[in-house]
Amino acid sequence: MNEPLQRYKVLQLINGLGVGGTEKSLLQVLPKLDRNLYDITICSLKDEGVYGKILADEYDFELVALNGRGKWDIGVYWGLINYLRDKDFVIIHSYLYWANILARLAKRKLKIPVVINSVRDTEVWMRWYHKWIDRYMSRWVDLIVCCSNAVADFTIKETGISPYYFQVVYNGINVRDYRVKVDKKKYHQEFDLPSDAKVIGVITRLVEPKKGLAYLLEAFKIIAAKKDNAYLLIVGDGPARKKLIRKAKRLKIQDQVRFIESRNDIPQLLKVLDVFTLFSNYEGFGIAIIEAMAAGRPVVASRVGGIKEIIVDGETGYMVQPRNVKEMADKCLALLENTKLANKMGRAGRKRVGEHFSLRETVHRTGLIYASLLRLKKIIKREV
């Protein structure tokens, strides 16, 4: 006799749902999971956030905000435990350090059958006690999913957690979303760019020193000195914004640099760029890179972390050493001055994203993880 059809309750637990790479990935993946099989609730340790409201309003997910007041707010733990009681969740899938720790504590306290942690970056900020807590509490996790091999290797090395727990699932996007036609003239007018402008751009959260944006400005000073129609677009918000604006003024390149707030027309905006850059000092993956590649843009980015798993150096773009401003400038100039090469790399990048970083594959592998762990725990026996 077939097992009766039922939905399995899954809690997606995350630090917050403001603008960020992990949050954007959730926005893309969760609506694509099989909602006939999984009854998904989203829980933010902080407030609802921009992406939380979208997930609730546009995709009809139940959204719970614990409104935490900081990393050490013990009330968040009890708020989570009280919410989970008698809710019959069979999976907690958490994202980022503090949510991961709380998910493990919830498993210990309430005997949640399956807890999956997601590690999304090379967490260089961790002190010895963060690493000790991570390692000690790994006894209450069933699987740790990393967005790249670089993140998995780093986490294993730094925490001492057994490699047995780890699995890599790359971030994915829908390549079709980036096949858009754009009126470049309209964007040039909006950003006050001349019609012959050669545009280098980065789309990221403005956090330093991680993103290497101060070094990118220094590299652009070299570029601007050699190419007076070169312009740099820095798109995004974050705590380093004012400091970066001041640095652009000190370098006397402010007339050729545009600071643009976060916006929703990223596929269109990418088409305005001639070269996409990401000059990070460390990076777990770099979802902005696969977005740029999907839009057919050549990429120049740091040879760090998960970026090394995305870019094929010399084929889909170039990798440079972090903080090497001359190398960054030279590679960008090479692409600005050779449109044929830039277009060739852009086409190769789009093809690579479709083959290795598709949203369909990310969703498929996430579903397989849920089903396999539920079968392992004997919660389900049928194939799903």
Protein backbone atom coordinates (compact mmCIF):
# COMPACT_ATOMS: atom_id res chain seq x y z
CA MET A 1 0.00 0.00 0.00
CA ASN A 2 1.31 3.47 -0.86
CA GLU A 3 2.20 5.78 1.97
CA PRO A 4 -0.50 8.47 2.26
CA LEU A 5 0.45 11.82 0.81
CA GLN A 6 1.49 14.33 3.44
CA ARG A 7 3.41 17.56 3.71
CA TYR A 8 6.52 17.77 5.86
CA LYS A 9 6.99 20.88 7.93
CA VAL A 10 10.27 22.70 7.24
CA LEU A 11 11.54 25.79 9.05
CA GLN A 12 13.96 28.04 7.17
CA LEU A 13 15.91 29.86 9.89
CA ILE A 14 18.14 32.84 9.06
CA ASN A 15 19.80 35.73 10.88
CA GLY A 16 17.82 38.34 8.94
CA LEU A 17 16.14 38.96 5.61
CA GLY A 18 17.59 42.27 4.49
CA VAL A 19 19.47 42.70 1.22
CA GLY A 20 22.34 40.21 0.90
CA GLY A 21 23.58 37.26 -1.13
CA THR A 22 22.25 34.51 1.16
CA GLU A 23 18.91 36.26 1.52
CA LYS A 24 18.61 36.69 -2.24
CA SER A 25 19.40 33.01 -2.76
CA LEU A 26 16.53 32.10 -0.41
CA LEU A 27 14.23 34.38 -2.37
CA GLN A 28 15.09 32.46 -5.53
CA VAL A 29 15.19 28.89 -4.19
CA LEU A 30 12.31 28.63 -1.72
CA PRO A 31 9.47 29.37 -4.17
CA LYS A 32 10.82 26.61 -6.44
CA LEU A 33 10.82 23.83 -3.82
CA ASP A 34 7.95 21.32 -3.97
CA ARG A 35 5.32 22.95 -1.79
CA ASN A 36 3.01 20.00 -2.23
CA LEU A 37 5.59 18.01 -0.29
CA TYR A 38 7.11 20.63 2.02
CA ASP A 39 5.16 23.04 4.21
CA ILE A 40 7.72 25.82 4.55
CA THR A 41 7.85 28.51 7.24
CA ILE A 42 10.52 31.22 7.27
CA CYS A 43 11.91 32.53 10.55
CA SER A 44 14.15 35.59 10.90
CA LEU A 45 16.12 36.16 14.09
CA LYS A 46 15.78 39.89 13.40
CA ASP A 47 12.89 41.70 11.71
CA GLU A 48 11.03 40.74 8.52
CA GLY A 49 13.43 42.55 6.19
CA VAL A 50 12.94 43.45 2.54
CA TYR A 51 13.19 39.89 1.22
CA GLY A 52 11.05 38.50 4.02
CA LYS A 53 8.19 40.76 3.03
CA ILE A 54 8.52 39.66 -0.59
CA LEU A 55 8.49 35.97 0.40
CA ALA A 56 5.41 36.51 2.56
CA ASP A 57 3.44 38.87 0.32
CA GLU A 58 4.26 37.55 -3.16
CA TYR A 59 4.82 33.85 -2.44
CA ASP A 60 2.51 33.35 0.54
CA PHE A 61 5.07 31.85 2.93
CA GLU A 62 4.39 32.04 6.64
CA LEU A 63 6.93 34.47 8.08
CA VAL A 64 7.98 34.70 11.72
CA ALA A 65 10.21 37.54 12.97
CA LEU A 66 11.81 37.10 16.41
CA ASN A 67 13.00 40.74 16.45
CA GLY A 68 16.32 40.00 18.12
CA ARG A 69 18.31 42.92 19.49
CA GLY A 70 21.79 41.53 18.95
CA LYS A 71 23.98 38.45 18.69
CA TRP A 72 23.79 37.67 22.42
CA ASP A 73 20.06 38.31 22.88
CA ILE A 74 19.03 35.19 24.85
CA GLY A 75 15.39 36.12 24.27
CA VAL A 76 15.77 35.05 20.64
CA TYR A 77 16.58 31.50 21.75
CA TRP A 78 13.52 31.26 23.96
CA GLY A 79 11.39 32.92 21.32
CA LEU A 80 12.46 30.26 18.83
CA ILE A 81 11.92 27.39 21.30
CA ASN A 82 8.47 28.65 22.28
CA TYR A 83 7.49 29.04 18.63
CA LEU A 84 8.67 25.53 17.73
CA ARG A 85 6.88 23.74 20.56
CA ASP A 86 4.02 21.55 19.29
CA LYS A 87 4.56 22.70 15.68
CA ASP A 88 5.78 19.28 14.43
CA PHE A 89 8.63 20.58 12.30
CA VAL A 90 10.70 17.71 10.93
CA ILE A 91 13.44 19.85 9.34
CA ILE A 92 15.17 23.04 10.40
CA HIS A 93 17.35 24.41 7.61
CA SER A 94 19.41 27.31 8.95
CA TYR A 95 21.72 29.85 7.33
CA LEU A 96 24.71 31.76 8.77
CA TYR A 97 26.55 31.29 12.04
CA TRP A 98 24.10 32.43 14.72
CA ALA A 99 21.06 30.82 13.13
CA ASN A 100 23.10 27.63 12.74
CA ILE A 101 23.94 27.58 16.46
CA LEU A 102 20.31 28.17 17.46
CA ALA A 103 19.12 25.42 15.12
CA ARG A 104 21.46 22.95 16.85
CA LEU A 105 20.25 24.05 20.29
CA ALA A 106 16.65 23.60 19.13
CA LYS A 107 17.44 20.05 17.99
CA ARG A 108 18.95 19.27 21.39
CA LYS A 109 16.06 20.84 23.31
CA LEU A 110 13.09 19.67 21.23
CA LYS A 111 14.46 16.60 19.42
CA ILE A 112 13.88 18.08 15.95
CA PRO A 113 14.53 15.09 13.63
CA VAL A 114 16.64 16.85 10.98
CA VAL A 115 18.81 19.96 11.29
CA ILE A 116 20.71 21.25 8.27
CA ASN A 117 23.14 24.14 8.61
CA SER A 118 24.25 26.28 5.66
CA VAL A 119 27.64 27.98 5.74
CA ARG A 120 27.78 30.73 3.15
CA ASP A 121 31.19 32.34 3.53
CA THR A 122 34.74 31.89 4.73
CA GLU A 123 34.02 33.19 8.23
CA VAL A 124 37.35 34.90 8.85
CA TRP A 125 35.83 36.96 11.67
CA MET A 126 35.46 33.98 13.99
CA ARG A 127 37.44 34.04 17.23
CA TRP A 128 38.66 30.89 18.98
CA TYR A 129 35.51 30.65 21.08
CA HIS A 130 33.23 30.85 18.02
CA LYS A 131 35.17 27.96 16.52
CA TRP A 132 35.02 25.98 19.76
CA ILE A 133 31.25 26.49 20.03
CA ASP A 134 30.83 25.48 16.39
CA ARG A 135 32.86 22.29 16.85
CA TYR A 136 31.25 21.33 20.18
CA MET A 137 27.71 21.80 18.93
CA SER A 138 28.30 19.92 15.67
CA ARG A 139 26.99 16.82 17.51
CA TRP A 140 23.50 18.29 17.05
CA VAL A 141 23.57 18.80 13.29
CA ASP A 142 22.82 16.26 10.57
CA LEU A 143 24.40 18.01 7.59
CA ILE A 144 26.36 21.18 6.87
CA VAL A 145 25.77 22.51 3.36
CA CYS A 146 28.39 24.88 1.94
CA CYS A 147 28.07 27.11 -1.13
CA SER A 148 31.53 26.17 -2.41
CA ASN A 149 34.37 23.74 -1.84
CA ALA A 150 36.43 26.68 -0.61
CA VAL A 151 33.92 27.37 2.18
CA ALA A 152 33.78 23.68 3.14
CA ASP A 153 37.59 23.36 3.24
CA PHE A 154 37.96 26.57 5.25
CA THR A 155 35.28 25.59 7.78
CA ILE A 156 36.69 22.09 8.28
CA LYS A 157 40.20 23.47 8.78
CA GLU A 158 39.21 26.30 11.13
CA THR A 159 36.65 24.49 13.29
CA GLY A 160 37.91 20.93 13.27
CA ILE A 161 34.43 19.60 12.47
CA SER A 162 34.56 16.23 10.71
CA PRO A 163 34.36 16.35 6.89
CA TYR A 164 31.66 13.67 7.25
CA TYR A 165 29.09 16.40 7.93
CA PHE A 166 29.77 18.48 4.82
CA GLN A 167 28.20 18.69 1.38
CA VAL A 168 28.60 21.36 -1.31
CA VAL A 169 25.63 22.83 -3.19
CA TYR A 170 26.48 25.76 -5.43
CA ASN A 171 24.28 28.82 -5.60
CA GLY A 172 22.24 28.92 -8.78
CA ILE A 173 20.31 31.44 -10.83
CA ASN A 174 17.83 31.34 -13.68
CA VAL A 175 19.93 32.31 -16.70
CA ARG A 176 16.83 33.29 -18.68
CA ASP A 177 16.20 36.15 -16.25
CA TYR A 178 19.39 37.81 -17.53
CA ARG A 179 18.58 37.58 -21.23
CA VAL A 180 17.03 41.03 -21.43
CA LYS A 181 17.12 43.86 -23.93
CA VAL A 182 18.16 47.22 -22.59
CA ASP A 183 18.00 50.81 -23.77
CA LYS A 184 21.56 51.77 -22.82
CA LYS A 185 20.91 55.39 -23.74
CA LYS A 186 18.31 55.63 -20.97
CA TYR A 187 20.75 54.31 -18.36
CA HIS A 188 23.55 56.54 -19.61
CA GLN A 189 21.26 59.53 -19.14
CA GLU A 190 20.18 58.37 -15.67
CA PHE A 191 23.77 57.95 -14.50
CA ASP A 192 25.08 61.01 -16.37
CA LEU A 193 27.41 59.01 -18.62
CA PRO A 194 28.53 60.12 -22.07
CA SER A 195 27.35 58.04 -25.02
CA ASP A 196 30.86 56.64 -25.62
CA ALA A 197 31.44 55.71 -21.97
CA LYS A 198 33.29 52.47 -21.21
CA VAL A 199 31.71 51.22 -18.00
CA ILE A 200 33.26 49.07 -15.30
CA GLY A 201 30.91 48.03 -12.51
CA VAL A 202 30.51 46.17 -9.24
CA ILE A 203 27.24 45.22 -7.56
CA THR A 204 27.73 44.31 -3.93
CA ARG A 205 27.09 45.22 -0.32
CA LEU A 206 29.48 48.01 0.62
CA VAL A 207 31.40 46.36 3.45
CA GLU A 208 35.12 46.73 3.99
CA PRO A 209 37.71 45.34 4.05
CA LYS A 210 35.95 42.25 2.69
CA LYS A 211 34.90 43.64 -0.69
CA GLY A 212 38.18 45.41 -1.51
CA LEU A 213 36.36 48.46 -2.82
CA ALA A 214 39.02 50.92 -1.63
CA TYR A 215 41.56 48.99 -3.71
CA LEU A 216 39.16 48.97 -6.66
CA LEU A 217 39.05 52.77 -6.52
CA GLU A 218 42.86 52.86 -6.61
CA ALA A 219 42.85 50.52 -9.61
CA PHE A 220 40.29 52.70 -11.33
CA LYS A 221 42.50 55.76 -10.86
CA ILE A 222 45.08 53.99 -13.06
CA ILE A 223 42.38 53.09 -15.60
CA ALA A 224 40.95 56.62 -15.70
CA ALA A 225 44.42 58.09 -16.29
CA LYS A 226 44.78 55.93 -19.41
CA LYS A 227 41.20 56.04 -20.65
CA ASP A 228 39.33 59.28 -20.14
CA ASN A 229 35.97 57.79 -21.19
CA ALA A 230 36.16 55.06 -18.51
CA TYR A 231 33.56 55.18 -15.72
CA LEU A 232 33.06 53.10 -12.58
CA LEU A 233 29.63 52.19 -11.20
CA ILE A 234 29.53 51.02 -7.58
CA VAL A 235 26.04 49.68 -6.94
CA GLY A 236 24.84 48.80 -3.46
CA ASP A 237 24.40 50.01 0.09
CA GLY A 238 26.39 49.41 3.22
CA PRO A 239 28.40 50.95 6.06
CA ALA A 240 31.46 51.76 3.91
CA ARG A 241 29.59 54.01 1.48
CA LYS A 242 30.56 57.41 2.93
CA LYS A 243 34.18 56.37 3.42
CA LEU A 244 34.40 55.20 -0.20
CA ILE A 245 32.90 58.45 -1.51
CA ARG A 246 35.54 60.39 0.43
CA LYS A 247 38.29 58.17 -0.96
CA ALA A 248 37.10 58.74 -4.54
CA LYS A 249 37.37 62.48 -3.90
CA ARG A 250 40.88 62.15 -2.44
CA LEU A 251 41.93 60.19 -5.53
CA LYS A 252 40.34 62.93 -7.69
CA ILE A 253 38.28 60.41 -9.67
CA GLN A 254 34.88 61.41 -8.29
CA ASP A 255 33.75 62.78 -11.67
CA GLN A 256 34.13 59.32 -13.22
CA VAL A 257 32.72 57.26 -10.33
CA ARG A 258 29.00 56.77 -9.70
CA PHE A 259 27.70 55.48 -6.36
CA ILE A 260 24.26 53.97 -6.95
CA GLU A 261 21.91 52.68 -4.26
CA SER A 262 20.62 49.09 -4.30
CA ARG A 263 17.99 48.53 -6.97
CA ASN A 264 15.82 45.76 -8.44
CA ASP A 265 16.75 46.02 -12.14
CA ILE A 266 20.05 44.14 -11.84
CA PRO A 267 19.69 42.08 -15.07
CA GLN A 268 19.14 45.30 -17.03
CA LEU A 269 21.86 47.21 -15.20
CA LEU A 270 24.42 44.49 -15.91
CA LYS A 271 23.87 44.97 -19.63
CA VAL A 272 25.11 48.56 -19.29
CA LEU A 273 28.51 47.35 -18.09
CA ASP A 274 31.44 46.55 -20.33
CA VAL A 275 33.32 44.78 -17.52
CA PHE A 276 32.13 43.45 -14.16
CA THR A 277 34.55 43.39 -11.23
CA LEU A 278 34.69 41.96 -7.73
CA PHE A 279 37.96 42.77 -5.94
CA SER A 280 37.17 40.96 -2.66
CA ASN A 281 39.80 40.09 -0.09
CA TYR A 282 37.83 36.95 0.71
CA GLU A 283 34.62 35.53 -0.73
CA GLY A 284 32.68 32.34 -0.07
CA PHE A 285 31.11 32.23 -3.51
CA GLY A 286 30.23 35.46 -5.30
CA ILE A 287 26.68 35.19 -6.60
CA ALA A 288 27.07 38.61 -8.25
CA ILE A 289 29.72 37.04 -10.50
CA ILE A 290 27.39 34.37 -11.87
CA GLU A 291 24.73 37.04 -12.41
CA ALA A 292 27.19 39.09 -14.45
CA MET A 293 28.27 36.02 -16.41
CA ALA A 294 24.63 35.11 -17.10
CA ALA A 295 24.22 38.61 -18.53
CA GLY A 296 27.16 37.95 -20.86
CA ARG A 297 29.60 40.26 -19.10
CA PRO A 298 33.32 39.42 -18.81
CA VAL A 299 34.47 39.39 -15.20
CA VAL A 300 37.68 40.47 -13.48
CA ALA A 301 37.75 39.24 -9.89
CA SER A 302 40.07 38.27 -7.05
CA ARG A 303 41.64 34.84 -7.00
CA VAL A 304 40.13 33.92 -3.62
CA GLY A 305 37.68 31.47 -2.08
CA GLY A 306 34.75 30.26 -4.15
CA ILE A 307 35.52 32.69 -6.97
CA LYS A 308 38.18 30.22 -8.13
CA GLU A 309 35.40 27.68 -8.70
CA ILE A 310 33.34 30.05 -10.86
CA ILE A 311 35.72 31.84 -13.24
CA VAL A 312 37.80 29.98 -15.79
CA ASP A 313 40.81 32.29 -15.95
CA GLY A 314 41.43 33.59 -19.46
CA GLU A 315 38.19 32.03 -20.75
CA THR A 316 35.24 33.61 -18.91
CA GLY A 317 37.27 36.50 -17.50
CA TYR A 318 40.39 37.10 -15.47
CA MET A 319 41.40 36.41 -11.89
CA VAL A 320 43.83 38.73 -10.13
CA GLN A 321 45.55 38.77 -6.78
CA PRO A 322 43.57 40.64 -4.11
CA ARG A 323 44.90 44.15 -3.43
CA ASN A 324 47.07 44.11 -6.58
CA VAL A 325 45.67 47.32 -8.05
CA LYS A 326 47.97 47.35 -11.09
CA GLU A 327 46.96 43.83 -12.11
CA MET A 328 43.27 44.70 -11.72
CA ALA A 329 43.71 47.86 -13.78
CA ASP A 330 45.65 46.07 -16.52
CA LYS A 331 43.05 43.29 -16.90
CA CYS A 332 40.15 45.73 -17.01
CA LEU A 333 41.95 47.87 -19.60
CA ALA A 334 42.67 44.79 -21.72
CA LEU A 335 38.94 44.06 -21.91
CA LEU A 336 37.90 47.68 -22.45
CA GLU A 337 40.31 47.93 -25.37
CA ASN A 338 39.41 44.59 -26.97
CA THR A 339 35.66 44.35 -27.50
CA LYS A 340 35.97 41.12 -29.46
CA LEU A 341 37.76 39.40 -26.57
CA ALA A 342 35.31 40.82 -24.03
CA ASN A 343 32.33 39.53 -26.00
CA LYS A 344 33.93 36.10 -26.40
CA MET A 345 34.51 35.85 -22.66
CA GLY A 346 30.98 37.03 -22.00
CA ARG A 347 29.51 34.26 -24.16
CA ALA A 348 31.72 31.65 -22.49
CA GLY A 349 30.63 32.90 -19.07
CA ARG A 350 26.93 32.66 -19.93
CA LYS A 351 27.43 29.09 -21.15
CA ARG A 352 29.31 28.14 -17.97
CA VAL A 353 26.59 29.47 -15.69
CA GLY A 354 23.93 27.52 -17.58
CA GLU A 355 25.95 24.32 -17.25
CA HIS A 356 27.20 24.59 -13.66
CA PHE A 357 25.23 27.20 -11.68
CA SER A 358 21.59 26.85 -12.66
CA LEU A 359 18.78 27.52 -10.21
CA ARG A 360 17.13 24.28 -11.30
CA GLU A 361 20.15 22.26 -10.13
CA THR A 362 20.32 24.11 -6.79
CA VAL A 363 16.63 23.45 -6.13
CA HIS A 364 16.93 19.83 -7.23
CA ARG A 365 19.89 19.12 -4.94
CA THR A 366 18.22 20.86 -2.00
CA GLY A 367 15.13 18.70 -2.45
CA LEU A 368 17.28 15.56 -2.64
CA ILE A 369 18.98 16.49 0.64
CA TYR A 370 15.64 16.95 2.42
CA ALA A 371 14.24 13.67 1.12
CA SER A 372 17.37 11.61 1.81
CA LEU A 373 17.67 12.83 5.41
CA LEU A 374 13.97 12.23 6.08
CA ARG A 375 14.36 8.70 4.75
CA LEU A 376 17.48 8.20 6.85
CA LYS A 377 15.46 9.20 9.94
CA LYS A 378 12.67 6.83 8.80
CA ILE A 379 10.20 9.71 8.66
CA ILE A 380 9.39 8.86 5.05
CA LYS A 381 9.87 5.56 3.27
CA ARG A 382 8.54 6.31 -0.21
CA GLU A 383 10.53 7.88 -3.01
CA VAL A 384 9.96 11.64 -3.42
